[in-house]
Amino acid sequence: MPHVNLHYFECFLSDSQKEQLVTELMQTISKVLGCSDEVISISLCPEQPEQWQQKIVEPYFLNASDKLVKFANY
């Protein structure tokens, strides 16, 4: 049911850091939406900083601002 795409500047994340991030996201999503973690999917999407404007800001911030619920301060 819920799916999260988490875009971030590409950086090294160890397997344990990825596991911690995914676990904490799943716990929060499960708690707030009242669903089992078995139905949650999460994609980790590392992005190059020089492509951030084109790949993230334009499609997700400018062209879909009606869906954006937390604005970045840049």
Protein backbone atom coordinates (compact mmCIF):
# COMPACT_ATOMS: atom_id res chain seq x y z
CA MET A 1 0.00 0.00 0.00
CA PRO A 2 2.28 2.92 0.99
CA HIS A 3 5.39 3.47 -1.11
CA VAL A 4 8.15 5.97 -0.33
CA ASN A 5 10.83 7.22 -2.74
CA LEU A 6 13.58 8.82 -0.70
CA HIS A 7 15.83 10.98 -2.87
CA TYR A 8 19.07 12.29 -1.36
CA PHE A 9 22.49 13.50 -2.44
CA GLU A 10 24.51 10.44 -3.26
CA CYS A 11 26.66 9.38 -0.31
CA PHE A 12 27.90 6.17 1.19
CA LEU A 13 25.36 4.44 3.40
CA SER A 14 26.46 1.24 5.06
CA ASP A 15 24.08 -1.69 5.12
CA SER A 16 23.39 -1.03 8.79
CA GLN A 17 22.61 2.65 8.09
CA LYS A 18 20.22 1.65 5.29
CA GLU A 19 18.60 -0.90 7.58
CA GLN A 20 18.19 1.68 10.35
CA LEU A 21 16.73 4.24 7.96
CA VAL A 22 14.27 1.78 6.46
CA THR A 23 13.27 0.38 9.86
CA GLU A 24 12.56 3.82 11.31
CA LEU A 25 10.63 4.94 8.23
CA MET A 26 8.56 1.74 8.31
CA GLN A 27 7.81 2.13 12.02
CA THR A 28 6.58 5.67 11.52
CA ILE A 29 4.54 4.88 8.42
CA SER A 30 3.00 1.81 10.04
CA LYS A 31 2.12 3.74 13.20
CA VAL A 32 0.61 6.78 11.47
CA LEU A 33 -1.21 4.98 8.65
CA GLY A 34 -2.21 2.00 10.75
CA CYS A 35 -0.85 -0.61 8.37
CA SER A 36 1.45 -3.58 8.62
CA ASP A 37 5.07 -3.08 7.67
CA GLU A 38 4.57 -6.00 5.27
CA VAL A 39 2.67 -3.71 2.88
CA ILE A 40 5.19 -0.84 2.90
CA SER A 41 7.78 -0.46 0.15
CA ILE A 42 10.68 1.99 0.22
CA SER A 43 13.10 3.01 -2.53
CA LEU A 44 16.39 4.70 -1.72
CA CYS A 45 17.29 6.98 -4.63
CA PRO A 46 20.75 8.54 -4.51
CA GLU A 47 21.06 11.56 -6.80
CA GLN A 48 24.00 13.55 -8.08
CA PRO A 49 23.97 17.09 -6.60
CA GLU A 50 24.40 18.68 -10.03
CA GLN A 51 21.24 16.91 -11.24
CA TRP A 52 19.11 17.80 -8.20
CA GLN A 53 17.41 20.82 -9.78
CA GLN A 54 16.38 18.95 -12.91
CA LYS A 55 15.54 15.54 -11.41
CA ILE A 56 13.98 16.59 -8.08
CA VAL A 57 13.19 20.29 -7.73
CA GLU A 58 11.41 20.71 -11.06
CA PRO A 59 9.24 17.57 -11.07
CA TYR A 60 8.55 17.28 -7.33
CA PHE A 61 8.68 20.84 -6.01
CA LEU A 62 7.62 23.03 -8.91
CA ASN A 63 5.36 20.76 -10.97
CA ALA A 64 3.75 18.90 -8.08
CA SER A 65 3.72 21.50 -5.34
CA ASP A 66 0.14 20.52 -4.43
CA LYS A 67 1.55 17.21 -3.10
CA LEU A 68 4.60 18.62 -1.32
CA VAL A 69 3.90 18.83 2.42
CA LYS A 70 7.34 19.86 3.70
CA PHE A 71 9.32 22.49 1.84
CA ALA A 72 13.11 22.56 1.89
CA ASN A 73 14.79 25.83 2.80
CA TYR A 74 17.16 26.57 -0.05
